[in-house]
Amino acid sequence: MFPYSKPYIAALIIAISCLPALANRSQQSNDVAELSRLESVWNDAYTRGNVEPLDQLLADDLIVTMSDMATLDKAQSIGLLRSGHLKFPRYETSDIRIRVYNDAAVVTGRLKRTRTVNGNNVDDDWRFTKVYVRRSGKWQVVAWHASTNARL
């Protein structure tokens, strides 16, 4: 006869069936931590004017859309920073929300930054959305949109 009771077997079956969900939660937690780290890399690169991390972080098919500005691709976006004509003495994000959908993620938040263009400072208070895609195990930004924060 089988030495285990029916309740024991039922509990074991339920526990085993939960393992994939626990593994998925663990992976999602790792993804959120990595995306959070990449957001810090992004901010730091802009304040330091360091294009190398951005070159790795931005996908080749990147599209950037911002209020009152022309749409940019990766080369144009990095080119503005590389030229030295555009600097960011302040680049601070808050109210960050990260949602992961398998190999895609959406990061939203608030961006307060000061950009210096030809010696003139401009303060921005924006809401932003970034779309990341995981390719070959690496997260990259494929779309970034920022618009003026509504003042209510």
N, C-alpha and C. Protein backbone atom coordinates (compact mmCIF):
# COMPACT_ATOMS: atom_id res chain seq x y z
N MET A 1 0.84 -1.18 0.00
CA MET A 1 0.00 0.00 0.00
C MET A 1 0.89 1.25 0.00
N PHE A 2 0.35 2.35 -0.49
CA PHE A 2 1.07 3.62 -0.58
C PHE A 2 1.18 4.23 0.81
N PRO A 3 2.42 4.59 1.27
CA PRO A 3 2.62 5.04 2.65
C PRO A 3 2.19 6.47 2.95
N TYR A 4 1.81 7.28 1.94
CA TYR A 4 1.47 8.68 2.20
C TYR A 4 -0.03 8.89 2.15
N SER A 5 -0.50 9.82 2.95
CA SER A 5 -1.94 10.11 3.00
C SER A 5 -2.35 10.98 1.82
N LYS A 6 -3.61 10.98 1.50
CA LYS A 6 -4.14 11.78 0.40
C LYS A 6 -3.93 13.28 0.62
N PRO A 7 -4.12 13.80 1.85
CA PRO A 7 -3.87 15.23 2.05
C PRO A 7 -2.40 15.60 1.80
N TYR A 8 -1.48 14.71 2.17
CA TYR A 8 -0.06 14.97 1.95
C TYR A 8 0.24 15.04 0.46
N ILE A 9 -0.30 14.11 -0.30
CA ILE A 9 -0.08 14.08 -1.74
C ILE A 9 -0.70 15.31 -2.40
N ALA A 10 -1.89 15.70 -1.98
CA ALA A 10 -2.55 16.89 -2.53
C ALA A 10 -1.72 18.14 -2.26
N ALA A 11 -1.19 18.26 -1.05
CA ALA A 11 -0.36 19.41 -0.70
C ALA A 11 0.92 19.43 -1.54
N LEU A 12 1.50 18.26 -1.76
CA LEU A 12 2.71 18.16 -2.56
C LEU A 12 2.44 18.57 -4.01
N ILE A 13 1.33 18.14 -4.56
CA ILE A 13 0.96 18.49 -5.93
C ILE A 13 0.75 20.00 -6.05
N ILE A 14 0.08 20.59 -5.09
CA ILE A 14 -0.14 22.04 -5.10
C ILE A 14 1.18 22.79 -5.01
N ALA A 15 2.07 22.33 -4.14
CA ALA A 15 3.38 22.99 -3.98
C ALA A 15 4.18 22.92 -5.27
N ILE A 16 4.20 21.76 -5.90
CA ILE A 16 4.94 21.61 -7.15
C ILE A 16 4.35 22.48 -8.25
N SER A 17 3.04 22.57 -8.28
CA SER A 17 2.41 23.39 -9.32
C SER A 17 2.69 24.88 -9.15
N CYS A 18 3.06 25.30 -7.95
CA CYS A 18 3.36 26.71 -7.69
C CYS A 18 4.79 27.09 -8.06
N LEU A 19 5.66 26.12 -8.28
CA LEU A 19 7.06 26.41 -8.56
C LEU A 19 7.27 27.31 -9.78
N PRO A 20 6.60 27.06 -10.92
CA PRO A 20 6.80 27.97 -12.06
C PRO A 20 6.41 29.41 -11.74
N ALA A 21 5.35 29.61 -11.00
CA ALA A 21 4.93 30.97 -10.65
C ALA A 21 5.97 31.64 -9.76
N LEU A 22 6.53 30.89 -8.82
CA LEU A 22 7.57 31.44 -7.96
C LEU A 22 8.82 31.79 -8.75
N ALA A 23 9.20 30.93 -9.69
CA ALA A 23 10.36 31.19 -10.54
C ALA A 23 10.11 32.42 -11.39
N ASN A 24 8.90 32.57 -11.92
CA ASN A 24 8.55 33.73 -12.73
C ASN A 24 8.62 35.01 -11.91
N ARG A 25 8.12 34.95 -10.67
CA ARG A 25 8.20 36.13 -9.79
C ARG A 25 9.63 36.50 -9.49
N SER A 26 10.47 35.49 -9.29
CA SER A 26 11.88 35.73 -9.02
C SER A 26 12.55 36.39 -10.22
N GLN A 27 12.26 35.89 -11.44
CA GLN A 27 12.82 36.47 -12.65
C GLN A 27 12.33 37.91 -12.83
N GLN A 28 11.04 38.13 -12.56
CA GLN A 28 10.49 39.48 -12.70
C GLN A 28 11.16 40.43 -11.70
N SER A 29 11.40 39.95 -10.49
CA SER A 29 12.08 40.76 -9.49
C SER A 29 13.50 41.10 -9.95
N ASN A 30 14.20 40.13 -10.54
CA ASN A 30 15.54 40.38 -11.08
C ASN A 30 15.48 41.39 -12.22
N ASP A 31 14.47 41.27 -13.08
CA ASP A 31 14.33 42.20 -14.20
C ASP A 31 14.07 43.62 -13.70
N VAL A 32 13.21 43.77 -12.71
CA VAL A 32 12.91 45.10 -12.16
C VAL A 32 14.17 45.70 -11.55
N ALA A 33 14.95 44.90 -10.85
CA ALA A 33 16.20 45.40 -10.26
C ALA A 33 17.17 45.85 -11.36
N GLU A 34 17.28 45.06 -12.42
CA GLU A 34 18.18 45.42 -13.52
C GLU A 34 17.71 46.68 -14.24
N LEU A 35 16.42 46.78 -14.49
CA LEU A 35 15.89 47.97 -15.15
C LEU A 35 16.06 49.21 -14.28
N SER A 36 15.91 49.06 -13.00
CA SER A 36 16.14 50.17 -12.07
C SER A 36 17.60 50.62 -12.14
N ARG A 37 18.50 49.65 -12.19
CA ARG A 37 19.93 49.97 -12.32
C ARG A 37 20.19 50.71 -13.64
N LEU A 38 19.58 50.24 -14.72
CA LEU A 38 19.77 50.88 -16.02
C LEU A 38 19.22 52.29 -16.04
N GLU A 39 18.16 52.55 -15.30
CA GLU A 39 17.65 53.91 -15.20
C GLU A 39 18.69 54.82 -14.54
N SER A 40 19.38 54.32 -13.54
CA SER A 40 20.46 55.09 -12.89
C SER A 40 21.62 55.31 -13.85
N VAL A 41 21.95 54.29 -14.64
CA VAL A 41 23.01 54.42 -15.66
C VAL A 41 22.63 55.53 -16.65
N TRP A 42 21.38 55.51 -17.08
CA TRP A 42 20.86 56.52 -18.03
C TRP A 42 21.04 57.93 -17.46
N ASN A 43 20.53 58.16 -16.24
CA ASN A 43 20.61 59.48 -15.61
C ASN A 43 22.05 59.93 -15.44
N ASP A 44 22.90 59.03 -14.96
CA ASP A 44 24.30 59.35 -14.73
C ASP A 44 25.01 59.70 -16.04
N ALA A 45 24.70 58.96 -17.10
CA ALA A 45 25.33 59.23 -18.40
C ALA A 45 24.99 60.63 -18.88
N TYR A 46 23.75 61.04 -18.68
CA TYR A 46 23.36 62.39 -19.12
C TYR A 46 24.03 63.48 -18.30
N THR A 47 24.09 63.32 -16.99
CA THR A 47 24.73 64.38 -16.17
C THR A 47 26.23 64.44 -16.39
N ARG A 48 26.85 63.33 -16.73
CA ARG A 48 28.30 63.31 -16.97
C ARG A 48 28.65 63.56 -18.44
N GLY A 49 27.63 63.57 -19.30
CA GLY A 49 27.90 63.74 -20.73
C GLY A 49 28.65 62.55 -21.31
N ASN A 50 28.41 61.37 -20.75
CA ASN A 50 29.12 60.16 -21.13
C ASN A 50 28.27 59.34 -22.11
N VAL A 51 28.64 59.35 -23.38
CA VAL A 51 27.82 58.69 -24.40
C VAL A 51 28.03 57.18 -24.48
N GLU A 52 29.15 56.67 -23.96
CA GLU A 52 29.42 55.23 -24.09
C GLU A 52 28.34 54.36 -23.45
N PRO A 53 27.92 54.64 -22.20
CA PRO A 53 26.84 53.81 -21.64
C PRO A 53 25.53 53.93 -22.44
N LEU A 54 25.26 55.13 -22.95
CA LEU A 54 24.05 55.32 -23.75
C LEU A 54 24.13 54.56 -25.07
N ASP A 55 25.31 54.50 -25.66
CA ASP A 55 25.48 53.77 -26.91
C ASP A 55 25.12 52.29 -26.71
N GLN A 56 25.43 51.74 -25.56
CA GLN A 56 25.09 50.35 -25.24
C GLN A 56 23.61 50.20 -24.87
N LEU A 57 23.09 51.18 -24.16
CA LEU A 57 21.72 51.11 -23.64
C LEU A 57 20.66 51.39 -24.70
N LEU A 58 20.97 52.22 -25.66
CA LEU A 58 20.00 52.59 -26.69
C LEU A 58 20.05 51.60 -27.84
N ALA A 59 18.89 51.11 -28.22
CA ALA A 59 18.80 50.19 -29.37
C ALA A 59 19.07 50.95 -30.65
N ASP A 60 19.57 50.26 -31.65
CA ASP A 60 19.85 50.89 -32.95
C ASP A 60 18.58 51.46 -33.59
N ASP A 61 17.43 50.85 -33.27
CA ASP A 61 16.16 51.32 -33.85
C ASP A 61 15.39 52.24 -32.90
N LEU A 62 16.10 52.88 -31.99
CA LEU A 62 15.50 53.81 -31.02
C LEU A 62 14.73 54.93 -31.72
N ILE A 63 13.63 55.33 -31.09
CA ILE A 63 12.88 56.51 -31.52
C ILE A 63 12.62 57.35 -30.26
N VAL A 64 12.95 58.64 -30.32
CA VAL A 64 12.78 59.56 -29.19
C VAL A 64 11.79 60.63 -29.60
N THR A 65 10.77 60.83 -28.76
CA THR A 65 9.76 61.84 -29.02
C THR A 65 9.63 62.71 -27.77
N MET A 66 9.83 64.03 -27.94
CA MET A 66 9.74 64.95 -26.81
C MET A 66 8.91 66.16 -27.21
N SER A 67 8.34 66.82 -26.21
CA SER A 67 7.56 68.04 -26.45
C SER A 67 8.38 69.08 -27.19
N ASP A 68 7.76 69.66 -28.20
CA ASP A 68 8.34 70.79 -28.93
C ASP A 68 9.71 70.51 -29.54
N MET A 69 9.98 69.26 -29.86
CA MET A 69 11.26 68.91 -30.48
C MET A 69 11.01 67.93 -31.62
N ALA A 70 11.92 67.91 -32.57
CA ALA A 70 11.84 66.95 -33.66
C ALA A 70 12.08 65.54 -33.11
N THR A 71 11.49 64.55 -33.76
CA THR A 71 11.73 63.16 -33.39
C THR A 71 13.18 62.82 -33.70
N LEU A 72 13.81 62.06 -32.79
CA LEU A 72 15.22 61.72 -32.93
C LEU A 72 15.40 60.21 -33.02
N ASP A 73 16.49 59.80 -33.70
CA ASP A 73 16.89 58.40 -33.68
C ASP A 73 18.11 58.28 -32.76
N LYS A 74 18.69 57.10 -32.69
CA LYS A 74 19.82 56.89 -31.79
C LYS A 74 21.00 57.81 -32.12
N ALA A 75 21.39 57.85 -33.37
CA ALA A 75 22.55 58.66 -33.76
C ALA A 75 22.33 60.14 -33.43
N GLN A 76 21.14 60.64 -33.69
CA GLN A 76 20.85 62.05 -33.40
C GLN A 76 20.84 62.31 -31.89
N SER A 77 20.25 61.39 -31.15
CA SER A 77 20.16 61.54 -29.70
C SER A 77 21.55 61.57 -29.06
N ILE A 78 22.38 60.62 -29.43
CA ILE A 78 23.74 60.56 -28.88
C ILE A 78 24.57 61.73 -29.42
N GLY A 79 24.34 62.09 -30.68
CA GLY A 79 25.09 63.19 -31.28
C GLY A 79 24.93 64.51 -30.56
N LEU A 80 23.71 64.78 -30.07
CA LEU A 80 23.48 66.02 -29.32
C LEU A 80 24.34 66.07 -28.07
N LEU A 81 24.45 64.97 -27.37
CA LEU A 81 25.25 64.92 -26.15
C LEU A 81 26.75 64.93 -26.49
N ARG A 82 27.12 64.18 -27.50
CA ARG A 82 28.52 64.07 -27.90
C ARG A 82 29.09 65.42 -28.36
N SER A 83 28.26 66.24 -29.00
CA SER A 83 28.72 67.52 -29.55
C SER A 83 29.18 68.49 -28.46
N GLY A 84 28.64 68.33 -27.26
CA GLY A 84 28.98 69.25 -26.18
C GLY A 84 28.13 70.51 -26.16
N HIS A 85 27.29 70.70 -27.17
CA HIS A 85 26.41 71.87 -27.23
C HIS A 85 25.24 71.75 -26.26
N LEU A 86 24.96 70.53 -25.84
CA LEU A 86 23.86 70.26 -24.92
C LEU A 86 24.41 69.56 -23.70
N LYS A 87 24.18 70.15 -22.53
CA LYS A 87 24.66 69.56 -21.27
C LYS A 87 23.49 69.49 -20.29
N PHE A 88 23.63 68.59 -19.33
CA PHE A 88 22.57 68.39 -18.33
C PHE A 88 23.17 68.47 -16.92
N PRO A 89 23.22 69.67 -16.34
CA PRO A 89 23.73 69.77 -14.97
C PRO A 89 22.81 69.07 -13.96
N ARG A 90 21.54 68.91 -14.32
CA ARG A 90 20.59 68.20 -13.44
C ARG A 90 19.75 67.27 -14.29
N TYR A 91 19.62 66.02 -13.80
CA TYR A 91 18.80 65.02 -14.49
C TYR A 91 18.29 64.07 -13.43
N GLU A 92 17.10 64.37 -12.89
CA GLU A 92 16.56 63.63 -11.74
C GLU A 92 15.21 63.03 -12.08
N THR A 93 15.07 61.75 -11.78
CA THR A 93 13.79 61.08 -12.00
C THR A 93 13.18 60.68 -10.67
N SER A 94 11.86 60.60 -10.68
CA SER A 94 11.12 60.18 -9.49
C SER A 94 9.83 59.51 -9.94
N ASP A 95 9.07 59.03 -8.99
CA ASP A 95 7.77 58.41 -9.27
C ASP A 95 7.91 57.30 -10.33
N ILE A 96 9.00 56.53 -10.22
CA ILE A 96 9.32 55.50 -11.21
C ILE A 96 8.40 54.29 -11.00
N ARG A 97 7.87 53.82 -12.12
CA ARG A 97 7.07 52.59 -12.13
C ARG A 97 7.62 51.70 -13.25
N ILE A 98 7.94 50.46 -12.91
CA ILE A 98 8.51 49.52 -13.87
C ILE A 98 7.56 48.34 -14.00
N ARG A 99 7.15 48.07 -15.23
CA ARG A 99 6.28 46.91 -15.51
C ARG A 99 6.97 46.05 -16.56
N VAL A 100 7.11 44.76 -16.24
CA VAL A 100 7.81 43.83 -17.12
C VAL A 100 6.80 42.90 -17.77
N TYR A 101 6.95 42.72 -19.07
CA TYR A 101 6.10 41.82 -19.85
C TYR A 101 7.00 40.87 -20.64
N ASN A 102 7.48 39.84 -19.98
CA ASN A 102 8.41 38.88 -20.58
C ASN A 102 9.67 39.59 -21.07
N ASP A 103 9.83 39.75 -22.38
CA ASP A 103 11.03 40.39 -22.93
C ASP A 103 10.82 41.84 -23.32
N ALA A 104 9.81 42.46 -22.74
CA ALA A 104 9.56 43.89 -22.93
C ALA A 104 9.24 44.50 -21.56
N ALA A 105 9.52 45.77 -21.42
CA ALA A 105 9.23 46.46 -20.17
C ALA A 105 8.89 47.91 -20.46
N VAL A 106 8.04 48.47 -19.61
CA VAL A 106 7.66 49.87 -19.71
C VAL A 106 8.04 50.54 -18.40
N VAL A 107 8.80 51.61 -18.51
CA VAL A 107 9.21 52.39 -17.34
C VAL A 107 8.60 53.77 -17.49
N THR A 108 7.87 54.21 -16.47
CA THR A 108 7.28 55.54 -16.47
C THR A 108 7.75 56.30 -15.25
N GLY A 109 7.69 57.62 -15.33
CA GLY A 109 8.08 58.42 -14.18
C GLY A 109 8.06 59.90 -14.50
N ARG A 110 8.63 60.64 -13.59
CA ARG A 110 8.74 62.09 -13.71
C ARG A 110 10.21 62.43 -13.88
N LEU A 111 10.49 63.38 -14.75
CA LEU A 111 11.85 63.83 -15.00
C LEU A 111 11.93 65.33 -14.77
N LYS A 112 12.82 65.72 -13.87
CA LYS A 112 13.15 67.13 -13.68
C LYS A 112 14.62 67.26 -14.07
N ARG A 113 14.85 68.13 -15.04
CA ARG A 113 16.22 68.29 -15.50
C ARG A 113 16.47 69.74 -15.86
N THR A 114 17.73 70.08 -15.85
CA THR A 114 18.19 71.37 -16.36
C THR A 114 19.11 71.06 -17.52
N ARG A 115 18.79 71.62 -18.67
CA ARG A 115 19.65 71.45 -19.83
C ARG A 115 20.25 72.80 -20.18
N THR A 116 21.50 72.74 -20.53
CA THR A 116 22.22 73.94 -20.92
C THR A 116 22.47 73.85 -22.42
N VAL A 117 21.91 74.81 -23.15
CA VAL A 117 22.06 74.86 -24.60
C VAL A 117 22.71 76.19 -24.95
N ASN A 118 23.92 76.12 -25.51
CA ASN A 118 24.65 77.33 -25.89
C ASN A 118 24.72 78.34 -24.74
N GLY A 119 24.97 77.85 -23.53
CA GLY A 119 25.13 78.72 -22.36
C GLY A 119 23.84 79.13 -21.68
N ASN A 120 22.68 78.77 -22.22
CA ASN A 120 21.40 79.12 -21.61
C ASN A 120 20.79 77.91 -20.92
N ASN A 121 20.35 78.10 -19.68
CA ASN A 121 19.73 77.02 -18.92
C ASN A 121 18.23 76.98 -19.16
N VAL A 122 17.72 75.77 -19.33
CA VAL A 122 16.29 75.54 -19.49
C VAL A 122 15.91 74.44 -18.50
N ASP A 123 14.92 74.72 -17.67
CA ASP A 123 14.43 73.72 -16.72
C ASP A 123 13.23 73.00 -17.31
N ASP A 124 13.27 71.67 -17.26
CA ASP A 124 12.17 70.84 -17.74
C ASP A 124 11.55 70.09 -16.58
N ASP A 125 10.25 69.99 -16.59
CA ASP A 125 9.50 69.16 -15.65
C ASP A 125 8.58 68.30 -16.51
N TRP A 126 8.98 67.07 -16.74
CA TRP A 126 8.31 66.21 -17.69
C TRP A 126 7.83 64.91 -17.07
N ARG A 127 6.90 64.28 -17.71
CA ARG A 127 6.53 62.88 -17.48
C ARG A 127 7.16 62.10 -18.63
N PHE A 128 7.64 60.90 -18.36
CA PHE A 128 8.28 60.13 -19.43
C PHE A 128 7.81 58.68 -19.44
N THR A 129 7.97 58.08 -20.60
CA THR A 129 7.72 56.66 -20.80
C THR A 129 8.88 56.11 -21.62
N LYS A 130 9.49 55.04 -21.13
CA LYS A 130 10.53 54.34 -21.87
C LYS A 130 10.05 52.92 -22.12
N VAL A 131 10.32 52.42 -23.30
CA VAL A 131 10.04 51.03 -23.62
C VAL A 131 11.38 50.33 -23.81
N TYR A 132 11.57 49.29 -23.01
CA TYR A 132 12.77 48.45 -23.12
C TYR A 132 12.38 47.13 -23.78
N VAL A 133 13.31 46.57 -24.53
CA VAL A 133 13.16 45.22 -25.08
C VAL A 133 14.43 44.44 -24.73
N ARG A 134 14.22 43.18 -24.33
CA ARG A 134 15.37 42.33 -24.03
C ARG A 134 15.74 41.58 -25.31
N ARG A 135 16.97 41.82 -25.78
CA ARG A 135 17.49 41.16 -26.97
C ARG A 135 18.80 40.48 -26.60
N SER A 136 18.88 39.21 -26.89
CA SER A 136 20.08 38.42 -26.56
C SER A 136 20.45 38.59 -25.09
N GLY A 137 19.43 38.61 -24.23
CA GLY A 137 19.65 38.70 -22.79
C GLY A 137 19.98 40.08 -22.26
N LYS A 138 19.96 41.09 -23.12
CA LYS A 138 20.34 42.45 -22.72
C LYS A 138 19.18 43.40 -22.96
N TRP A 139 18.87 44.23 -21.94
CA TRP A 139 17.80 45.22 -22.06
C TRP A 139 18.30 46.43 -22.82
N GLN A 140 17.48 46.92 -23.78
CA GLN A 140 17.80 48.14 -24.50
C GLN A 140 16.53 48.98 -24.65
N VAL A 141 16.72 50.29 -24.68
CA VAL A 141 15.61 51.22 -24.87
C VAL A 141 15.32 51.32 -26.36
N VAL A 142 14.07 51.04 -26.74
CA VAL A 142 13.66 51.15 -28.15
C VAL A 142 12.79 52.38 -28.39
N ALA A 143 12.19 52.91 -27.32
CA ALA A 143 11.36 54.11 -27.46
C ALA A 143 11.43 54.91 -26.16
N TRP A 144 11.52 56.23 -26.33
CA TRP A 144 11.51 57.12 -25.18
C TRP A 144 10.65 58.32 -25.55
N HIS A 145 9.68 58.61 -24.69
CA HIS A 145 8.79 59.74 -24.92
C HIS A 145 8.75 60.58 -23.65
N ALA A 146 8.83 61.88 -23.81
CA ALA A 146 8.72 62.80 -22.68
C ALA A 146 7.87 63.99 -23.09
N SER A 147 6.99 64.39 -22.18
CA SER A 147 6.15 65.55 -22.44
C SER A 147 6.00 66.36 -21.17
N THR A 148 5.63 67.60 -21.35
CA THR A 148 5.49 68.52 -20.24
C THR A 148 4.54 67.97 -19.18
N ASN A 149 4.96 68.05 -17.95
CA ASN A 149 4.14 67.60 -16.82
C ASN A 149 2.97 68.56 -16.64
N ALA A 150 1.78 68.02 -16.60
CA ALA A 150 0.59 68.85 -16.43
C ALA A 150 0.61 69.51 -15.06
N ARG A 151 0.28 70.76 -15.02
CA ARG A 151 0.22 71.50 -13.74
C ARG A 151 -1.24 71.66 -13.38
N LEU A 152 -1.65 70.91 -12.36
CA LEU A 152 -3.06 70.96 -11.92
C LEU A 152 -3.23 71.85 -10.72
